[in-house]
Amino acid sequence: MSDRGPWWEWDAPRERWLLTERDCNGWPRSLLLEVCARIVFPTVLVLSVYLLFAGHNNSGGGFTGGLVAGLAFVLRYLAGGKVELSAVVRVRPPVVIGTGLSIAVITALVPTLFGLPVLTTDVWQLGPVKLATSLFLDVGVYLLIVGVVVDLLGTLGVSLEEDQ
């Protein structure tokens, strides 16, 4: 705090938006790549969610959307290393993998409780919106793929950084 008191500094940023050159684990950093990655990241995630929801009737689905979201995390990792990746990912990847796998398996097995074959899909009409139960399977696959990609970046990427 300065001599002016807390009233004058309550809205001062507490974290740096871009880290300094010394925090980058020894590799040269590109400010242009970091800024572009931070601008493109939310757009790519929105595109991946669109692919997730459009997958039932059009091209896309949980696997395609998960890969596109994974590529967004890869871009952030390439821009700033493990520091940048840890700033974006708040949930541990094994939790995301387990949640996605659980949702996919439960969605696949629920029809057997009603005497139907595994992975049977039903369509619910909710006003003007049609909701297929296969969307839940796609959400599970999406979370599974994103979790695997982020876990691979965390484990393989950190070992590559330690070798340098």
N, C-alpha and C. Protein backbone atom coordinates (compact mmCIF):
# COMPACT_ATOMS: atom_id res chain seq x y z
N MET A 1 0.83 -1.18 0.00
CA MET A 1 0.00 0.00 0.00
C MET A 1 0.87 1.25 0.00
N SER A 2 0.42 2.22 -0.64
CA SER A 2 1.17 3.47 -0.65
C SER A 2 0.70 4.36 0.49
N ASP A 3 1.24 5.56 0.54
CA ASP A 3 0.89 6.48 1.60
C ASP A 3 -0.50 7.09 1.40
N ARG A 4 -1.11 6.84 0.25
CA ARG A 4 -2.43 7.40 -0.02
C ARG A 4 -3.53 6.57 0.63
N GLY A 5 -3.25 5.33 1.00
CA GLY A 5 -4.25 4.50 1.67
C GLY A 5 -4.94 3.54 0.72
N PRO A 6 -5.75 2.63 1.27
CA PRO A 6 -6.38 1.61 0.44
C PRO A 6 -7.46 2.15 -0.49
N TRP A 7 -8.03 3.32 -0.18
CA TRP A 7 -9.08 3.86 -1.02
C TRP A 7 -8.60 4.15 -2.44
N TRP A 8 -7.36 4.55 -2.59
CA TRP A 8 -6.84 4.93 -3.89
C TRP A 8 -6.33 3.73 -4.68
N GLU A 9 -6.19 2.56 -4.05
CA GLU A 9 -5.64 1.40 -4.75
C GLU A 9 -6.58 0.20 -4.79
N TRP A 10 -7.85 0.38 -4.50
CA TRP A 10 -8.76 -0.75 -4.45
C TRP A 10 -8.99 -1.37 -5.82
N ASP A 11 -8.86 -0.58 -6.88
CA ASP A 11 -9.10 -1.13 -8.22
C ASP A 11 -7.81 -1.39 -8.99
N ALA A 12 -6.68 -1.32 -8.34
CA ALA A 12 -5.41 -1.62 -9.00
C ALA A 12 -5.32 -3.11 -9.29
N PRO A 13 -4.81 -3.51 -10.44
CA PRO A 13 -4.72 -4.94 -10.75
C PRO A 13 -3.79 -5.66 -9.77
N ARG A 14 -4.21 -6.84 -9.35
CA ARG A 14 -3.42 -7.62 -8.40
C ARG A 14 -2.55 -8.64 -9.10
N GLU A 15 -2.86 -9.00 -10.34
CA GLU A 15 -2.05 -9.95 -11.10
C GLU A 15 -1.66 -9.30 -12.43
N ARG A 16 -0.49 -9.68 -12.93
CA ARG A 16 -0.06 -9.15 -14.21
C ARG A 16 -0.76 -9.90 -15.33
N TRP A 17 -1.16 -9.18 -16.36
CA TRP A 17 -1.84 -9.83 -17.48
C TRP A 17 -0.85 -10.64 -18.30
N LEU A 18 0.30 -10.09 -18.57
CA LEU A 18 1.36 -10.82 -19.24
C LEU A 18 2.54 -10.93 -18.30
N LEU A 19 3.07 -12.10 -18.16
CA LEU A 19 4.18 -12.32 -17.24
C LEU A 19 5.47 -11.72 -17.81
N THR A 20 6.43 -11.50 -16.97
CA THR A 20 7.68 -10.92 -17.43
C THR A 20 8.52 -11.95 -18.15
N GLU A 21 9.56 -11.51 -18.81
CA GLU A 21 10.45 -12.40 -19.56
C GLU A 21 11.14 -13.40 -18.65
N ARG A 22 11.36 -13.04 -17.39
CA ARG A 22 12.08 -13.94 -16.48
C ARG A 22 11.23 -15.12 -16.01
N ASP A 23 9.93 -15.09 -16.18
CA ASP A 23 9.05 -16.15 -15.69
C ASP A 23 8.79 -17.24 -16.72
N CYS A 24 9.53 -17.29 -17.80
CA CYS A 24 9.13 -18.15 -18.91
C CYS A 24 9.94 -19.44 -19.02
N ASN A 25 10.65 -19.84 -17.99
CA ASN A 25 11.37 -21.12 -17.96
C ASN A 25 12.45 -21.22 -19.03
N GLY A 26 13.04 -20.12 -19.42
CA GLY A 26 14.21 -20.19 -20.27
C GLY A 26 13.98 -20.12 -21.76
N TRP A 27 12.76 -20.27 -22.25
CA TRP A 27 12.61 -20.18 -23.69
C TRP A 27 12.18 -18.77 -24.08
N PRO A 28 12.56 -18.33 -25.29
CA PRO A 28 12.19 -16.98 -25.72
C PRO A 28 10.68 -16.90 -25.95
N ARG A 29 10.13 -15.79 -25.52
CA ARG A 29 8.68 -15.62 -25.63
C ARG A 29 8.36 -14.56 -26.66
N SER A 30 7.20 -14.72 -27.27
CA SER A 30 6.73 -13.77 -28.25
C SER A 30 5.50 -13.06 -27.68
N LEU A 31 5.60 -11.76 -27.52
CA LEU A 31 4.47 -10.99 -27.01
C LEU A 31 3.30 -11.06 -27.98
N LEU A 32 3.58 -11.04 -29.26
CA LEU A 32 2.52 -11.12 -30.27
C LEU A 32 1.77 -12.45 -30.18
N LEU A 33 2.50 -13.55 -30.01
CA LEU A 33 1.85 -14.85 -29.89
C LEU A 33 1.00 -14.93 -28.62
N GLU A 34 1.50 -14.39 -27.52
CA GLU A 34 0.74 -14.43 -26.27
C GLU A 34 -0.55 -13.62 -26.37
N VAL A 35 -0.46 -12.43 -26.93
CA VAL A 35 -1.65 -11.59 -27.05
C VAL A 35 -2.65 -12.23 -28.02
N CYS A 36 -2.17 -12.74 -29.15
CA CYS A 36 -3.08 -13.39 -30.10
C CYS A 36 -3.71 -14.64 -29.51
N ALA A 37 -2.95 -15.41 -28.74
CA ALA A 37 -3.50 -16.62 -28.11
C ALA A 37 -4.59 -16.26 -27.11
N ARG A 38 -4.38 -15.18 -26.36
CA ARG A 38 -5.39 -14.77 -25.39
C ARG A 38 -6.64 -14.21 -26.07
N ILE A 39 -6.49 -13.65 -27.25
CA ILE A 39 -7.66 -13.14 -27.97
C ILE A 39 -8.41 -14.27 -28.66
N VAL A 40 -7.68 -15.21 -29.24
CA VAL A 40 -8.30 -16.30 -30.01
C VAL A 40 -8.88 -17.38 -29.10
N PHE A 41 -8.33 -17.57 -27.91
CA PHE A 41 -8.73 -18.66 -27.01
C PHE A 41 -10.24 -18.72 -26.76
N PRO A 42 -10.90 -17.64 -26.32
CA PRO A 42 -12.34 -17.74 -26.07
C PRO A 42 -13.14 -18.02 -27.34
N THR A 43 -12.69 -17.49 -28.46
CA THR A 43 -13.40 -17.72 -29.72
C THR A 43 -13.33 -19.19 -30.12
N VAL A 44 -12.19 -19.81 -29.95
CA VAL A 44 -12.04 -21.22 -30.29
C VAL A 44 -12.88 -22.08 -29.35
N LEU A 45 -12.96 -21.71 -28.07
CA LEU A 45 -13.81 -22.45 -27.14
C LEU A 45 -15.29 -22.34 -27.51
N VAL A 46 -15.72 -21.16 -27.94
CA VAL A 46 -17.11 -21.00 -28.38
C VAL A 46 -17.36 -21.85 -29.63
N LEU A 47 -16.40 -21.88 -30.55
CA LEU A 47 -16.53 -22.74 -31.73
C LEU A 47 -16.63 -24.21 -31.34
N SER A 48 -15.86 -24.63 -30.33
CA SER A 48 -15.91 -26.03 -29.91
C SER A 48 -17.27 -26.37 -29.29
N VAL A 49 -17.85 -25.44 -28.53
CA VAL A 49 -19.18 -25.68 -27.96
C VAL A 49 -20.23 -25.72 -29.07
N TYR A 50 -20.08 -24.87 -30.09
CA TYR A 50 -20.99 -24.93 -31.24
C TYR A 50 -20.90 -26.30 -31.92
N LEU A 51 -19.68 -26.79 -32.13
CA LEU A 51 -19.52 -28.11 -32.74
C LEU A 51 -20.13 -29.20 -31.88
N LEU A 52 -20.04 -29.06 -30.57
CA LEU A 52 -20.65 -30.03 -29.66
C LEU A 52 -22.16 -30.09 -29.86
N PHE A 53 -22.82 -28.94 -29.90
CA PHE A 53 -24.27 -28.93 -30.02
C PHE A 53 -24.76 -29.18 -31.45
N ALA A 54 -23.97 -28.83 -32.44
CA ALA A 54 -24.39 -29.04 -33.83
C ALA A 54 -24.15 -30.46 -34.30
N GLY A 55 -23.47 -31.26 -33.51
CA GLY A 55 -23.03 -32.58 -33.94
C GLY A 55 -24.11 -33.58 -34.20
N HIS A 56 -25.30 -33.43 -33.65
CA HIS A 56 -26.34 -34.44 -33.86
C HIS A 56 -26.88 -34.40 -35.29
N ASN A 57 -27.09 -33.20 -35.81
CA ASN A 57 -27.67 -33.08 -37.15
C ASN A 57 -26.66 -32.67 -38.22
N ASN A 58 -25.56 -32.08 -37.83
CA ASN A 58 -24.56 -31.59 -38.77
C ASN A 58 -23.20 -32.19 -38.42
N SER A 59 -22.18 -31.72 -39.10
CA SER A 59 -20.82 -32.17 -38.77
C SER A 59 -20.44 -31.66 -37.39
N GLY A 60 -19.75 -32.48 -36.65
CA GLY A 60 -19.32 -32.10 -35.31
C GLY A 60 -19.64 -33.19 -34.32
N GLY A 61 -19.81 -32.82 -33.09
CA GLY A 61 -20.10 -33.77 -32.03
C GLY A 61 -19.13 -33.58 -30.88
N GLY A 62 -19.22 -34.47 -29.92
CA GLY A 62 -18.39 -34.37 -28.73
C GLY A 62 -16.92 -34.55 -29.01
N PHE A 63 -16.59 -35.49 -29.89
CA PHE A 63 -15.17 -35.74 -30.18
C PHE A 63 -14.55 -34.57 -30.93
N THR A 64 -15.23 -34.10 -31.95
CA THR A 64 -14.71 -32.97 -32.74
C THR A 64 -14.63 -31.70 -31.90
N GLY A 65 -15.67 -31.42 -31.15
CA GLY A 65 -15.66 -30.24 -30.28
C GLY A 65 -14.57 -30.33 -29.21
N GLY A 66 -14.36 -31.53 -28.65
CA GLY A 66 -13.32 -31.73 -27.66
C GLY A 66 -11.93 -31.52 -28.23
N LEU A 67 -11.72 -31.98 -29.46
CA LEU A 67 -10.41 -31.77 -30.09
C LEU A 67 -10.15 -30.30 -30.37
N VAL A 68 -11.18 -29.58 -30.81
CA VAL A 68 -11.01 -28.15 -31.07
C VAL A 68 -10.73 -27.40 -29.76
N ALA A 69 -11.43 -27.76 -28.69
CA ALA A 69 -11.16 -27.14 -27.39
C ALA A 69 -9.76 -27.50 -26.91
N GLY A 70 -9.34 -28.74 -27.13
CA GLY A 70 -7.99 -29.15 -26.76
C GLY A 70 -6.93 -28.36 -27.50
N LEU A 71 -7.20 -28.07 -28.77
CA LEU A 71 -6.26 -27.26 -29.55
C LEU A 71 -6.17 -25.83 -29.01
N ALA A 72 -7.26 -25.32 -28.45
CA ALA A 72 -7.21 -24.00 -27.82
C ALA A 72 -6.26 -24.02 -26.62
N PHE A 73 -6.31 -25.10 -25.84
CA PHE A 73 -5.41 -25.21 -24.69
C PHE A 73 -3.96 -25.42 -25.15
N VAL A 74 -3.78 -26.12 -26.25
CA VAL A 74 -2.43 -26.29 -26.80
C VAL A 74 -1.86 -24.94 -27.23
N LEU A 75 -2.69 -24.12 -27.84
CA LEU A 75 -2.25 -22.78 -28.25
C LEU A 75 -1.82 -21.95 -27.04
N ARG A 76 -2.60 -22.01 -25.97
CA ARG A 76 -2.22 -21.26 -24.76
C ARG A 76 -0.92 -21.80 -24.17
N TYR A 77 -0.73 -23.13 -24.23
CA TYR A 77 0.51 -23.71 -23.71
C TYR A 77 1.71 -23.29 -24.56
N LEU A 78 1.55 -23.28 -25.87
CA LEU A 78 2.65 -22.87 -26.74
C LEU A 78 3.00 -21.40 -26.54
N ALA A 79 2.01 -20.59 -26.21
CA ALA A 79 2.27 -19.17 -26.03
C ALA A 79 3.01 -18.87 -24.73
N GLY A 80 2.71 -19.61 -23.65
CA GLY A 80 3.31 -19.23 -22.38
C GLY A 80 3.79 -20.35 -21.50
N GLY A 81 3.75 -21.59 -21.95
CA GLY A 81 4.26 -22.70 -21.16
C GLY A 81 3.31 -23.11 -20.05
N LYS A 82 3.87 -23.80 -19.07
CA LYS A 82 3.04 -24.34 -17.99
C LYS A 82 2.44 -23.25 -17.12
N VAL A 83 3.09 -22.10 -17.05
CA VAL A 83 2.54 -20.99 -16.27
C VAL A 83 1.23 -20.52 -16.89
N GLU A 84 1.20 -20.40 -18.20
CA GLU A 84 0.00 -19.97 -18.90
C GLU A 84 -1.09 -21.03 -18.81
N LEU A 85 -0.72 -22.29 -18.93
CA LEU A 85 -1.71 -23.36 -18.87
C LEU A 85 -2.32 -23.45 -17.48
N SER A 86 -1.53 -23.30 -16.44
CA SER A 86 -2.07 -23.37 -15.08
C SER A 86 -2.94 -22.16 -14.77
N ALA A 87 -2.73 -21.04 -15.46
CA ALA A 87 -3.58 -19.88 -15.25
C ALA A 87 -4.96 -20.08 -15.87
N VAL A 88 -5.05 -20.91 -16.90
CA VAL A 88 -6.31 -21.14 -17.60
C VAL A 88 -7.09 -22.29 -16.99
N VAL A 89 -6.40 -23.36 -16.62
CA VAL A 89 -7.06 -24.57 -16.14
C VAL A 89 -7.18 -24.50 -14.62
N ARG A 90 -8.40 -24.45 -14.14
CA ARG A 90 -8.65 -24.36 -12.70
C ARG A 90 -8.99 -25.72 -12.08
N VAL A 91 -9.45 -26.67 -12.90
CA VAL A 91 -9.85 -27.99 -12.42
C VAL A 91 -8.78 -28.99 -12.83
N ARG A 92 -8.47 -29.92 -11.95
CA ARG A 92 -7.47 -30.93 -12.26
C ARG A 92 -7.98 -31.81 -13.41
N PRO A 93 -7.13 -32.09 -14.40
CA PRO A 93 -7.57 -32.88 -15.56
C PRO A 93 -8.14 -34.26 -15.23
N PRO A 94 -7.61 -35.02 -14.24
CA PRO A 94 -8.24 -36.31 -13.95
C PRO A 94 -9.70 -36.19 -13.50
N VAL A 95 -10.06 -35.08 -12.87
CA VAL A 95 -11.45 -34.87 -12.47
C VAL A 95 -12.32 -34.69 -13.72
N VAL A 96 -11.82 -33.93 -14.69
CA VAL A 96 -12.56 -33.71 -15.93
C VAL A 96 -12.69 -35.03 -16.71
N ILE A 97 -11.61 -35.81 -16.76
CA ILE A 97 -11.64 -37.10 -17.45
C ILE A 97 -12.66 -38.03 -16.78
N GLY A 98 -12.62 -38.13 -15.47
CA GLY A 98 -13.55 -38.99 -14.75
C GLY A 98 -15.00 -38.56 -14.91
N THR A 99 -15.24 -37.26 -14.88
CA THR A 99 -16.60 -36.75 -15.06
C THR A 99 -17.11 -37.06 -16.46
N GLY A 100 -16.29 -36.83 -17.47
CA GLY A 100 -16.70 -37.12 -18.84
C GLY A 100 -16.96 -38.60 -19.07
N LEU A 101 -16.09 -39.44 -18.55
CA LEU A 101 -16.26 -40.88 -18.70
C LEU A 101 -17.52 -41.36 -17.97
N SER A 102 -17.77 -40.82 -16.79
CA SER A 102 -18.97 -41.20 -16.04
C SER A 102 -20.24 -40.81 -16.78
N ILE A 103 -20.27 -39.58 -17.30
CA ILE A 103 -21.45 -39.13 -18.05
C ILE A 103 -21.68 -40.00 -19.27
N ALA A 104 -20.61 -40.33 -20.00
CA ALA A 104 -20.76 -41.14 -21.21
C ALA A 104 -21.25 -42.55 -20.88
N VAL A 105 -20.71 -43.17 -19.86
CA VAL A 105 -21.11 -44.53 -19.50
C VAL A 105 -22.53 -44.56 -18.97
N ILE A 106 -22.89 -43.61 -18.12
CA ILE A 106 -24.25 -43.57 -17.60
C ILE A 106 -25.25 -43.35 -18.72
N THR A 107 -24.93 -42.44 -19.66
CA THR A 107 -25.82 -42.19 -20.79
C THR A 107 -25.97 -43.44 -21.66
N ALA A 108 -24.90 -44.19 -21.81
CA ALA A 108 -24.96 -45.39 -22.64
C ALA A 108 -25.77 -46.49 -21.97
N LEU A 109 -25.72 -46.58 -20.64
CA LEU A 109 -26.35 -47.70 -19.94
C LEU A 109 -27.77 -47.43 -19.45
N VAL A 110 -28.20 -46.19 -19.38
CA VAL A 110 -29.55 -45.88 -18.89
C VAL A 110 -30.64 -46.55 -19.72
N PRO A 111 -30.56 -46.63 -21.04
CA PRO A 111 -31.63 -47.32 -21.79
C PRO A 111 -31.82 -48.78 -21.40
N THR A 112 -30.79 -49.44 -20.88
CA THR A 112 -30.96 -50.85 -20.48
C THR A 112 -31.89 -50.98 -19.28
N LEU A 113 -32.05 -49.91 -18.48
CA LEU A 113 -32.99 -49.94 -17.37
C LEU A 113 -34.44 -50.01 -17.85
N PHE A 114 -34.68 -49.58 -19.08
CA PHE A 114 -36.02 -49.61 -19.66
C PHE A 114 -36.19 -50.75 -20.65
N GLY A 115 -35.25 -51.69 -20.66
CA GLY A 115 -35.34 -52.85 -21.54
C GLY A 115 -34.93 -52.58 -22.98
N LEU A 116 -34.24 -51.49 -23.23
CA LEU A 116 -33.80 -51.12 -24.57
C LEU A 116 -32.33 -51.48 -24.74
N PRO A 117 -31.86 -51.57 -25.97
CA PRO A 117 -30.43 -51.84 -26.17
C PRO A 117 -29.55 -50.67 -25.70
N VAL A 118 -28.28 -50.98 -25.47
CA VAL A 118 -27.31 -49.97 -25.05
C VAL A 118 -27.21 -48.89 -26.12
N LEU A 119 -27.06 -47.65 -25.70
CA LEU A 119 -26.90 -46.47 -26.58
C LEU A 119 -28.15 -46.14 -27.40
N THR A 120 -29.31 -46.57 -26.94
CA THR A 120 -30.54 -46.19 -27.63
C THR A 120 -30.80 -44.71 -27.39
N THR A 121 -31.17 -43.99 -28.45
CA THR A 121 -31.39 -42.55 -28.36
C THR A 121 -32.87 -42.25 -28.41
N ASP A 122 -33.28 -41.30 -27.59
CA ASP A 122 -34.64 -40.81 -27.60
C ASP A 122 -34.60 -39.31 -27.87
N VAL A 123 -35.65 -38.79 -28.47
CA VAL A 123 -35.72 -37.35 -28.75
C VAL A 123 -36.86 -36.77 -27.94
N TRP A 124 -36.56 -35.74 -27.17
CA TRP A 124 -37.57 -35.05 -26.37
C TRP A 124 -37.89 -33.72 -27.04
N GLN A 125 -39.18 -33.39 -27.09
CA GLN A 125 -39.62 -32.12 -27.66
C GLN A 125 -39.88 -31.16 -26.51
N LEU A 126 -39.06 -30.13 -26.39
CA LEU A 126 -39.22 -29.12 -25.35
C LEU A 126 -39.61 -27.81 -26.02
N GLY A 127 -40.89 -27.67 -26.31
CA GLY A 127 -41.36 -26.49 -27.04
C GLY A 127 -40.84 -26.57 -28.47
N PRO A 128 -40.21 -25.51 -28.95
CA PRO A 128 -39.67 -25.54 -30.31
C PRO A 128 -38.32 -26.26 -30.43
N VAL A 129 -37.77 -26.68 -29.31
CA VAL A 129 -36.43 -27.27 -29.30
C VAL A 129 -36.55 -28.79 -29.18
N LYS A 130 -35.82 -29.49 -30.04
CA LYS A 130 -35.72 -30.94 -29.93
C LYS A 130 -34.41 -31.28 -29.23
N LEU A 131 -34.47 -32.13 -28.21
CA LEU A 131 -33.30 -32.52 -27.46
C LEU A 131 -33.13 -34.03 -27.57
N ALA A 132 -32.02 -34.45 -28.16
CA ALA A 132 -31.73 -35.87 -28.28
C ALA A 132 -30.88 -36.29 -27.09
N THR A 133 -31.15 -37.49 -26.57
CA THR A 133 -30.39 -37.97 -25.42
C THR A 133 -28.94 -38.26 -25.79
N SER A 134 -28.65 -38.38 -27.07
CA SER A 134 -27.26 -38.59 -27.48
C SER A 134 -26.40 -37.36 -27.20
N LEU A 135 -27.03 -36.21 -26.95
CA LEU A 135 -26.27 -35.01 -26.59
C LEU A 135 -25.51 -35.22 -25.28
N PHE A 136 -26.10 -35.97 -24.34
CA PHE A 136 -25.42 -36.23 -23.07
C PHE A 136 -24.17 -37.09 -23.29
N LEU A 137 -24.27 -38.04 -24.21
CA LEU A 137 -23.08 -38.84 -24.55
C LEU A 137 -22.01 -37.95 -25.17
N ASP A 138 -22.42 -37.03 -26.04
CA ASP A 138 -21.47 -36.10 -26.66
C ASP A 138 -20.81 -35.19 -25.61
N VAL A 139 -21.57 -34.75 -24.62
CA VAL A 139 -20.99 -33.92 -23.57
C VAL A 139 -19.95 -34.71 -22.78
N GLY A 140 -20.25 -35.97 -22.50
CA GLY A 140 -19.28 -36.81 -21.81
C GLY A 140 -18.01 -37.01 -22.60
N VAL A 141 -18.15 -37.27 -23.90
CA VAL A 141 -16.98 -37.45 -24.76
C VAL A 141 -16.20 -36.14 -24.87
N TYR A 142 -16.89 -35.02 -24.96
CA TYR A 142 -16.25 -33.70 -25.02
C TYR A 142 -15.37 -33.48 -23.78
N LEU A 143 -15.94 -33.70 -22.60
CA LEU A 143 -15.16 -33.52 -21.37
C LEU A 143 -14.00 -34.49 -21.29
N LEU A 144 -14.21 -35.72 -21.74
CA LEU A 144 -13.15 -36.72 -21.72
C LEU A 144 -11.98 -36.30 -22.59
N ILE A 145 -12.25 -35.84 -23.80
CA ILE A 145 -11.19 -35.44 -24.73
C ILE A 145 -10.46 -34.20 -24.22
N VAL A 146 -11.19 -33.21 -23.73
CA VAL A 146 -10.54 -32.00 -23.20
C VAL A 146 -9.66 -32.36 -22.01
N GLY A 147 -10.14 -33.21 -21.13
CA GLY A 147 -9.34 -33.62 -19.97
C GLY A 147 -8.08 -34.36 -20.37
N VAL A 148 -8.18 -35.23 -21.36
CA VAL A 148 -7.00 -35.99 -21.81
C VAL A 148 -5.96 -35.06 -22.43
N VAL A 149 -6.41 -34.12 -23.26
CA VAL A 149 -5.47 -33.20 -23.91
C VAL A 149 -4.76 -32.33 -22.87
N VAL A 150 -5.50 -31.79 -21.92
CA VAL A 150 -4.90 -30.94 -20.90
C VAL A 150 -3.97 -31.75 -20.00
N ASP A 151 -4.35 -32.99 -19.69
CA ASP A 151 -3.47 -33.85 -18.89
C ASP A 151 -2.18 -34.17 -19.63
N LEU A 152 -2.28 -34.44 -20.93
CA LEU A 152 -1.07 -34.69 -21.72
C LEU A 152 -0.18 -33.46 -21.78
N LEU A 153 -0.78 -32.29 -21.93
CA LEU A 153 0.03 -31.06 -21.92
C LEU A 153 0.72 -30.87 -20.58
N GLY A 154 0.01 -31.17 -19.51
CA GLY A 154 0.59 -31.00 -18.18
C GLY A 154 1.72 -31.97 -17.90
N THR A 155 1.57 -33.23 -18.34
CA THR A 155 2.60 -34.23 -18.02
C THR A 155 3.74 -34.22 -19.03
N LEU A 156 3.41 -34.29 -20.31
CA LEU A 156 4.47 -34.32 -21.31
C LEU A 156 5.14 -32.97 -21.49
N GLY A 157 4.36 -31.91 -21.41
CA GLY A 157 4.94 -30.59 -21.59
C GLY A 157 5.88 -30.21 -20.47
N VAL A 158 5.54 -30.55 -19.24
CA VAL A 158 6.40 -30.22 -18.11
C VAL A 158 7.72 -30.99 -18.21
N SER A 159 7.66 -32.25 -18.64
CA SER A 159 8.90 -33.02 -18.79
C SER A 159 9.77 -32.45 -19.92
N LEU A 160 9.15 -31.92 -20.96
CA LEU A 160 9.93 -31.31 -22.04
C LEU A 160 10.59 -30.02 -21.56
N GLU A 161 9.88 -29.25 -20.72
CA GLU A 161 10.46 -28.02 -20.20
C GLU A 161 11.61 -28.29 -19.26
N GLU A 162 11.56 -29.38 -18.50
CA GLU A 162 12.64 -29.70 -17.57
C GLU A 162 13.89 -30.13 -18.30
N ASP A 163 13.76 -30.67 -19.52
CA ASP A 163 14.92 -31.11 -20.30
C ASP A 163 15.72 -29.93 -20.83
N GLN A 164 15.11 -28.78 -20.94
CA GLN A 164 15.81 -27.63 -21.52
C GLN A 164 16.76 -27.01 -20.55
